[in-house]
């Protein structure tokens, strides 16, 4: 009724604007219905590729199908083989320098020849270091310097050249005087960047009986390998020494190098199993160390027997052939004081006068 009252021209404009709306709505509904049907049809086609039964519940495969499967015959039947160089990458066998066009990938890359998966879990001693020991060492070694503090000037560790000769000009500093002639590492303050930790362990054994009988060397190698989990390296004499009965090229010692989790597990085993069972043992001498953060101690034959790997198979080793060995703990500390602080926090006892 309202449209009839409007003038004819205005009525035509209103009806023209309303008609496309109804048409477009109907078109959208038909299009949505057809699209939904197409989606359902496409999903049903995808479900056809799925297996109706699981591999665990399916019936047994016939022997004829198994015998007919021959991948070698199938590969030989190909007219053209795939180029291995295009789809397979092998890192270079030797490192030929930083400027060579073929560089090996990092050891963390699975394509590397030195790739080792893991570690998948931290050892107990490493977890203790990360959660307790590291914060305590950073607190104990904290040195507060108020803002604006001027550090006292330190004298040069190396001697400079005088101007007594024209050849002294622009020459580098000379080395320190003394019989040693070696500069020790400077002790740095402990902060969150350089908290001391265990870097590696070296086990060394000098087998004197190997000069006369090689059986001593074989037994010592078995003991060190069972204790450390690493195959020992044999060292031969470089020169002949008549006073000690050593001939050149004679195998006389063994060495095992531990890194990573193996080193931490060995130190943990020494602290919690071997050290408490040593009789009348007061601790490691406080004078040990090389002034660079490396602490050394040793086990006698009686101490080597206390390792669980040797004790459980004690009948396998002749008792008189079991050797003692030295242990060197390498730390990231730059002084013996910080290294002893780290090992004391882990449970290693020290005795006597402490020499830095």
Protein backbone atom coordinates (compact mmCIF):
# COMPACT_ATOMS: atom_id res chain seq x y z
CA UNK A 1 0.00 0.00 0.00
CA UNK A 2 2.82 2.35 0.79
CA UNK A 3 4.43 1.70 -2.59
CA UNK A 4 1.20 2.52 -4.42
CA UNK A 5 1.02 5.92 -2.76
CA UNK A 6 4.53 6.82 -3.96
CA UNK A 7 5.01 8.41 -7.34
CA UNK A 8 5.68 6.02 -10.18
CA UNK A 9 9.29 7.04 -10.69
CA UNK A 10 10.17 6.57 -7.02
CA UNK A 11 8.32 3.24 -6.91
CA UNK A 12 10.44 1.91 -9.78
CA UNK A 13 13.68 2.86 -7.98
CA UNK A 14 12.62 1.07 -4.77
CA UNK A 15 11.59 -2.15 -6.52
CA UNK A 16 14.80 -2.11 -8.55
CA UNK A 17 16.90 -1.94 -5.35
CA UNK A 18 14.97 -4.75 -3.63
CA UNK A 19 15.02 -7.29 -6.46
CA UNK A 20 18.81 -7.96 -6.59
CA UNK A 21 18.93 -8.55 -2.84
CA UNK A 22 16.49 -11.45 -3.03
CA UNK A 23 18.19 -12.86 -6.11
CA UNK A 24 21.69 -12.64 -4.58
CA UNK A 25 20.51 -14.29 -1.35
CA UNK A 26 19.05 -17.21 -3.24
CA UNK A 27 22.22 -17.49 -5.33
CA UNK A 28 24.44 -17.52 -2.23
CA UNK A 29 22.28 -20.24 -0.62
CA UNK A 30 22.48 -22.45 -3.72
CA UNK A 31 26.24 -21.86 -3.94
CA UNK A 32 26.75 -22.72 -0.23
CA UNK A 33 24.73 -25.92 -0.62
CA UNK A 34 26.70 -26.99 -3.68
CA UNK A 35 30.02 -26.18 -1.96
CA UNK A 36 29.06 -28.19 1.13
CA UNK A 37 28.12 -31.13 -1.04
CA UNK A 38 31.42 -30.88 -2.89
CA UNK A 39 33.34 -30.77 0.40
CA UNK A 40 31.51 -33.87 1.65
CA UNK A 41 32.25 -35.66 -1.61
CA UNK A 42 35.92 -34.68 -1.44
CA UNK A 43 36.19 -35.88 2.18
CA UNK A 44 34.66 -39.21 1.25
CA UNK A 45 37.23 -39.62 -1.53
CA UNK A 46 40.06 -38.92 0.95
CA UNK A 47 38.70 -41.52 3.36
CA UNK A 48 38.91 -44.15 0.64
CA UNK A 49 42.72 -44.08 0.91
CA UNK A 50 42.64 -45.01 4.60
CA UNK A 51 43.08 -48.63 5.63
CA UNK A 52 39.95 -50.30 6.90
CA UNK A 53 41.96 -52.48 9.26
CA UNK A 54 45.01 -51.96 11.40
CA UNK A 55 48.29 -53.67 10.63
CA UNK A 56 48.09 -55.41 14.01
CA UNK A 57 44.61 -56.84 13.42
CA UNK A 58 44.94 -57.61 9.71
CA UNK A 59 45.18 -61.14 8.41
CA UNK A 60 48.56 -62.75 7.75
CA UNK A 61 50.30 -61.99 4.47
CA UNK A 62 50.67 -64.90 2.15
CA UNK A 63 54.08 -66.40 1.49
CA UNK A 64 53.68 -65.74 -2.21
CA UNK A 65 53.49 -61.99 -1.57
CA UNK A 66 56.55 -62.14 0.67
CA UNK A 67 58.58 -64.14 -1.83
CA UNK A 68 57.58 -61.81 -4.66
CA UNK A 69 59.01 -58.78 -2.80
CA UNK A 70 62.56 -58.35 -4.05
CA UNK A 71 63.87 -54.76 -3.79
CA UNK A 72 67.23 -55.65 -5.38
CA UNK A 73 65.55 -57.07 -8.48
CA UNK A 74 63.27 -54.06 -8.57
CA UNK A 75 66.22 -51.64 -8.49
CA UNK A 76 68.07 -53.63 -11.16
CA UNK A 77 65.03 -53.42 -13.38
CA UNK A 78 65.15 -49.63 -13.49
CA UNK A 79 66.36 -48.25 -16.78
CA UNK A 80 67.92 -45.20 -15.12
CA UNK A 81 69.30 -45.02 -11.58
CA UNK A 82 68.95 -41.95 -9.44
CA UNK A 83 72.18 -39.89 -9.17
CA UNK A 84 73.51 -40.38 -5.65
CA UNK A 85 75.47 -37.13 -5.68
CA UNK A 86 72.30 -35.09 -6.14
CA UNK A 87 70.17 -36.61 -3.42
CA UNK A 88 72.80 -37.75 -0.91
CA UNK A 89 75.23 -35.43 0.88
CA UNK A 90 78.43 -36.72 2.41
CA UNK A 91 80.62 -34.34 4.36
CA UNK A 92 84.31 -34.20 3.36
CA UNK A 93 86.46 -36.80 5.02
CA UNK A 94 89.32 -34.46 5.86
CA UNK A 95 89.34 -30.85 7.01
CA UNK A 96 91.35 -28.95 4.42
CA UNK A 97 91.42 -25.56 6.10
CA UNK A 98 89.06 -22.62 6.53
CA UNK A 99 89.54 -21.37 2.95
CA UNK A 100 88.69 -24.61 1.18
CA UNK A 101 85.39 -24.49 -0.77
CA UNK A 102 84.22 -27.79 0.78
CA UNK A 103 83.65 -27.19 4.49
CA UNK A 104 82.41 -29.93 6.85
CA UNK A 105 79.12 -29.22 8.63
CA UNK A 106 79.12 -28.56 12.39
CA UNK A 107 79.17 -31.56 14.69
CA UNK A 108 75.59 -30.77 15.73
CA UNK A 109 74.38 -31.45 12.16
CA UNK A 110 73.25 -35.08 11.58
CA UNK A 111 75.11 -35.01 8.25
CA UNK A 112 78.43 -34.58 10.05
CA UNK A 113 80.77 -37.53 10.46
CA UNK A 114 81.36 -36.56 14.10
CA UNK A 115 77.64 -36.26 14.91
CA UNK A 116 76.66 -37.90 18.19
CA UNK A 117 72.97 -37.79 19.19
CA UNK A 118 72.22 -36.57 22.67
CA UNK A 119 72.78 -36.07 25.48
CA UNK A 120 69.13 -36.75 26.25
CA UNK A 121 69.45 -36.27 30.02
CA UNK A 122 71.87 -34.54 32.36
CA UNK A 123 73.88 -36.50 34.88
CA UNK A 124 73.15 -36.14 38.57
CA UNK A 125 76.33 -34.20 39.34
CA UNK A 126 75.73 -31.83 36.41
CA UNK A 127 72.18 -31.15 37.61
CA UNK A 128 73.55 -30.43 41.09
CA UNK A 129 76.13 -28.05 39.61
CA UNK A 130 73.51 -26.22 37.58
CA UNK A 131 70.93 -25.90 40.37
CA UNK A 132 73.06 -25.44 43.52
CA UNK A 133 76.83 -25.26 43.03
CA UNK A 134 76.95 -22.64 40.26
CA UNK A 135 74.81 -20.06 42.15
CA UNK A 136 76.79 -20.68 45.35
CA UNK A 137 80.15 -20.21 43.58
CA UNK A 138 78.93 -17.01 41.97
CA UNK A 139 77.83 -15.73 45.41
CA UNK A 140 81.05 -16.77 47.18
CA UNK A 141 83.28 -15.29 44.50
CA UNK A 142 81.36 -12.02 44.17
CA UNK A 143 83.56 -8.92 44.44
CA UNK A 144 81.66 -5.67 44.85
CA UNK A 145 83.14 -2.60 43.19
CA UNK A 146 81.23 0.64 43.79
CA UNK A 147 80.58 2.75 40.70
CA UNK A 148 83.48 5.03 39.93
CA UNK A 149 86.11 2.79 41.52
CA UNK A 150 89.51 3.28 39.89
CA UNK A 151 91.47 0.04 39.52
CA UNK A 152 95.04 0.13 40.74
CA UNK A 153 97.53 -0.03 37.85
CA UNK A 154 99.30 -3.35 37.49
CA UNK A 155 102.87 -3.78 36.43
CA UNK A 156 103.63 -5.35 33.07
CA UNK A 157 104.08 -9.09 33.12
CA UNK A 158 106.46 -8.91 30.13
CA UNK A 159 109.60 -6.78 29.96
CA UNK A 160 109.84 -4.09 27.33
CA UNK A 161 112.90 -3.26 25.23
CA UNK A 162 115.08 -0.28 26.11
CA UNK A 163 116.28 2.28 23.57
CA UNK A 164 119.93 1.29 23.71
CA UNK A 165 119.85 -0.06 20.17
CA UNK A 166 117.94 0.92 17.02
CA UNK A 167 116.90 -2.72 16.65
CA UNK A 168 114.87 -2.45 19.86
CA UNK A 169 112.33 -0.11 18.28
CA UNK A 170 108.88 -1.62 17.62
CA UNK A 171 109.98 -4.94 19.04
CA UNK A 172 107.43 -6.98 21.07
CA UNK A 173 107.72 -7.37 24.82
CA UNK A 174 110.24 -9.92 26.09
CA UNK A 175 109.31 -12.99 28.07
CA UNK A 176 109.51 -13.22 31.86
CA UNK A 177 112.77 -14.01 33.60
CA UNK A 178 113.37 -17.06 35.68
CA UNK A 179 113.96 -20.76 35.22
CA UNK A 180 110.37 -21.47 34.19
CA UNK A 181 109.83 -18.65 31.72
CA UNK A 182 106.09 -19.43 31.46
CA UNK A 183 103.32 -16.99 32.28
CA UNK A 184 100.60 -18.39 34.49
CA UNK A 185 96.96 -17.63 33.82
CA UNK A 186 95.57 -14.58 35.57
CA UNK A 187 92.85 -15.36 38.09
CA UNK A 188 89.62 -13.73 36.96
CA UNK A 189 86.74 -12.83 39.24
CA UNK A 190 83.85 -15.29 39.16
CA UNK A 191 80.72 -13.97 37.48
CA UNK A 192 77.80 -15.46 35.60
CA UNK A 193 79.93 -15.79 32.46
CA UNK A 194 82.87 -17.80 33.81
CA UNK A 195 81.57 -19.99 36.64
CA UNK A 196 84.09 -22.85 37.00
CA UNK A 197 82.96 -26.28 35.82
CA UNK A 198 84.49 -29.61 34.87
CA UNK A 199 85.84 -29.66 31.33
CA UNK A 200 87.42 -33.10 31.11
CA UNK A 201 89.31 -35.88 32.89
CA UNK A 202 92.58 -37.56 31.92
CA UNK A 203 93.52 -40.98 33.34
CA UNK A 204 97.16 -42.01 33.02
CA UNK A 205 98.94 -45.16 34.14
CA UNK A 206 102.67 -45.91 33.96
CA UNK A 207 103.04 -49.71 33.63
CA UNK A 208 106.57 -50.62 34.71
CA UNK A 209 106.06 -54.34 34.28
CA UNK A 210 105.30 -53.87 30.56
CA UNK A 211 109.04 -53.53 29.88
CA UNK A 212 109.52 -57.20 30.73
CA UNK A 213 106.12 -58.76 30.10
CA UNK A 214 103.37 -57.38 27.83
CA UNK A 215 100.72 -59.09 29.99
CA UNK A 216 100.95 -56.19 32.45
CA UNK A 217 100.05 -53.77 29.65
CA UNK A 218 97.04 -55.83 28.52
CA UNK A 219 95.63 -56.11 32.04
CA UNK A 220 96.19 -52.40 32.67
CA UNK A 221 94.37 -51.56 29.45
CA UNK A 222 91.42 -53.74 30.46
CA UNK A 223 91.23 -52.07 33.88
CA UNK A 224 91.39 -48.53 32.52
CA UNK A 225 88.85 -49.27 29.81
CA UNK A 226 86.38 -50.79 32.29
CA UNK A 227 86.83 -47.89 34.73
CA UNK A 228 86.58 -45.06 32.20
CA UNK A 229 84.54 -46.54 29.36
CA UNK A 230 87.12 -45.27 26.83
CA UNK A 231 89.65 -47.33 24.94
CA UNK A 232 93.12 -46.35 26.28
CA UNK A 233 95.86 -44.98 24.10
CA UNK A 234 99.26 -46.69 24.27
CA UNK A 235 102.41 -44.56 24.62
CA UNK A 236 105.82 -45.84 23.59
CA UNK A 237 109.23 -44.78 24.85
CA UNK A 238 110.89 -42.19 22.62
CA UNK A 239 114.45 -42.90 23.79
CA UNK A 240 116.33 -45.76 25.36
CA UNK A 241 117.35 -45.37 29.02
CA UNK A 242 119.78 -48.07 30.13
CA UNK A 243 119.53 -47.18 33.83
CA UNK A 244 115.81 -47.99 33.91
CA UNK A 245 115.91 -50.79 31.34
CA UNK A 246 113.76 -48.86 28.87
CA UNK A 247 114.24 -49.54 25.19
CA UNK A 248 113.12 -47.29 22.40
CA UNK A 249 109.60 -47.91 20.99
CA UNK A 250 108.66 -50.04 24.00
CA UNK A 251 105.02 -49.53 25.18
CA UNK A 252 105.20 -48.34 28.78
CA UNK A 253 102.08 -46.26 29.59
CA UNK A 254 98.37 -45.83 28.87
CA UNK A 255 96.13 -42.76 28.73
CA UNK A 256 92.35 -42.29 28.61
CA UNK A 257 90.73 -38.93 27.82
CA UNK A 258 87.17 -38.29 29.03
CA UNK A 259 84.99 -35.41 27.93
CA UNK A 260 81.42 -34.33 28.49
CA UNK A 261 79.10 -36.61 30.43
CA UNK A 262 81.73 -39.35 30.73
CA UNK A 263 84.06 -37.02 32.64
CA UNK A 264 81.31 -35.83 34.99
CA UNK A 265 80.11 -39.39 35.64
CA UNK A 266 83.67 -40.51 36.45
CA UNK A 267 84.12 -37.67 38.97
CA UNK A 268 80.72 -38.46 40.48
CA UNK A 269 81.73 -42.12 40.80
CA UNK A 270 84.98 -41.19 42.54
CA UNK A 271 83.27 -38.82 45.00
CA UNK A 272 80.33 -40.99 46.02
CA UNK A 273 81.69 -44.56 45.71
CA UNK A 274 85.49 -44.77 45.78
CA UNK A 275 86.59 -41.95 48.11
CA UNK A 276 84.38 -43.00 51.07
CA UNK A 277 85.76 -46.57 50.88
CA UNK A 278 89.45 -45.62 50.98
CA UNK A 279 90.89 -46.53 54.37
CA UNK A 280 92.95 -43.95 56.29
CA UNK A 281 92.60 -41.46 53.44
CA UNK A 282 92.38 -37.85 54.56
CA UNK A 283 91.91 -36.24 51.17
CA UNK A 284 93.77 -34.74 48.22
CA UNK A 285 96.91 -32.78 48.96
CA UNK A 286 96.32 -29.03 49.00
CA UNK A 287 99.56 -28.44 47.11
CA UNK A 288 98.35 -30.23 43.98
CA UNK A 289 97.55 -28.25 40.84
CA UNK A 290 99.34 -26.59 37.95
CA UNK A 291 98.27 -22.99 38.74
CA UNK A 292 95.88 -23.16 35.77
CA UNK A 293 92.82 -24.82 37.30
CA UNK A 294 93.75 -28.49 36.87
CA UNK A 295 93.75 -30.76 39.94
CA UNK A 296 95.56 -34.13 39.99
CA UNK A 297 95.44 -37.10 42.35
CA UNK A 298 96.06 -40.82 42.14
CA UNK A 299 94.74 -44.27 43.05
CA UNK A 300 96.94 -47.10 44.19
CA UNK A 301 96.27 -50.74 43.34
CA UNK A 302 94.03 -51.04 46.40
CA UNK A 303 92.08 -47.95 45.29
CA UNK A 304 91.64 -49.21 41.72
CA UNK A 305 90.03 -52.41 43.04
CA UNK A 306 87.29 -50.35 44.75
CA UNK A 307 85.80 -49.19 41.45
CA UNK A 308 82.53 -51.09 40.88
CA UNK A 309 83.48 -52.13 37.33
CA UNK A 310 86.62 -53.84 38.64
CA UNK A 311 85.10 -55.16 41.83
CA UNK A 312 82.22 -56.97 40.16
CA UNK A 313 84.64 -58.80 37.81
CA UNK A 314 87.55 -59.07 40.20
CA UNK A 315 88.24 -62.70 39.29
CA UNK A 316 88.89 -61.67 35.70
CA UNK A 317 92.01 -59.65 36.60
CA UNK A 318 95.16 -61.13 38.13
CA UNK A 319 95.53 -59.23 41.44
CA UNK A 320 99.27 -58.62 41.11
CA UNK A 321 98.82 -57.14 37.61
CA UNK A 322 96.14 -54.55 38.50
CA UNK A 323 97.85 -51.15 38.19
CA UNK A 324 97.36 -47.84 39.93
CA UNK A 325 96.70 -44.72 37.90
CA UNK A 326 96.73 -40.94 38.04
CA UNK A 327 93.65 -38.78 37.52
CA UNK A 328 93.79 -35.18 36.28
CA UNK A 329 90.56 -33.15 36.46
CA UNK A 330 90.53 -30.30 33.94
CA UNK A 331 88.32 -27.35 34.90
CA UNK A 332 87.54 -24.03 33.25
CA UNK A 333 88.95 -22.17 36.27
CA UNK A 334 92.06 -20.04 35.78
CA UNK A 335 93.56 -20.72 39.23
CA UNK A 336 93.93 -23.62 41.63
CA UNK A 337 91.92 -21.73 44.26
CA UNK A 338 88.81 -21.62 42.09
CA UNK A 339 89.32 -25.23 41.00
CA UNK A 340 89.51 -26.38 44.65
CA UNK A 341 86.44 -24.27 45.41
CA UNK A 342 84.53 -26.13 42.68
CA UNK A 343 85.65 -29.61 43.71
CA UNK A 344 85.08 -28.89 47.43
CA UNK A 345 81.49 -27.89 46.63
CA UNK A 346 81.06 -31.21 44.83
CA UNK A 347 82.37 -33.19 47.81
CA UNK A 348 86.11 -33.69 47.18
CA UNK A 349 88.10 -33.37 50.45
CA UNK A 350 91.43 -31.53 50.61
CA UNK A 351 94.07 -31.73 53.32
CA UNK A 352 97.20 -29.88 54.37
CA UNK A 353 98.24 -26.41 53.39
CA UNK A 354 96.38 -24.96 50.42
CA UNK A 355 98.77 -23.43 47.91
CA UNK A 356 97.40 -21.16 45.21
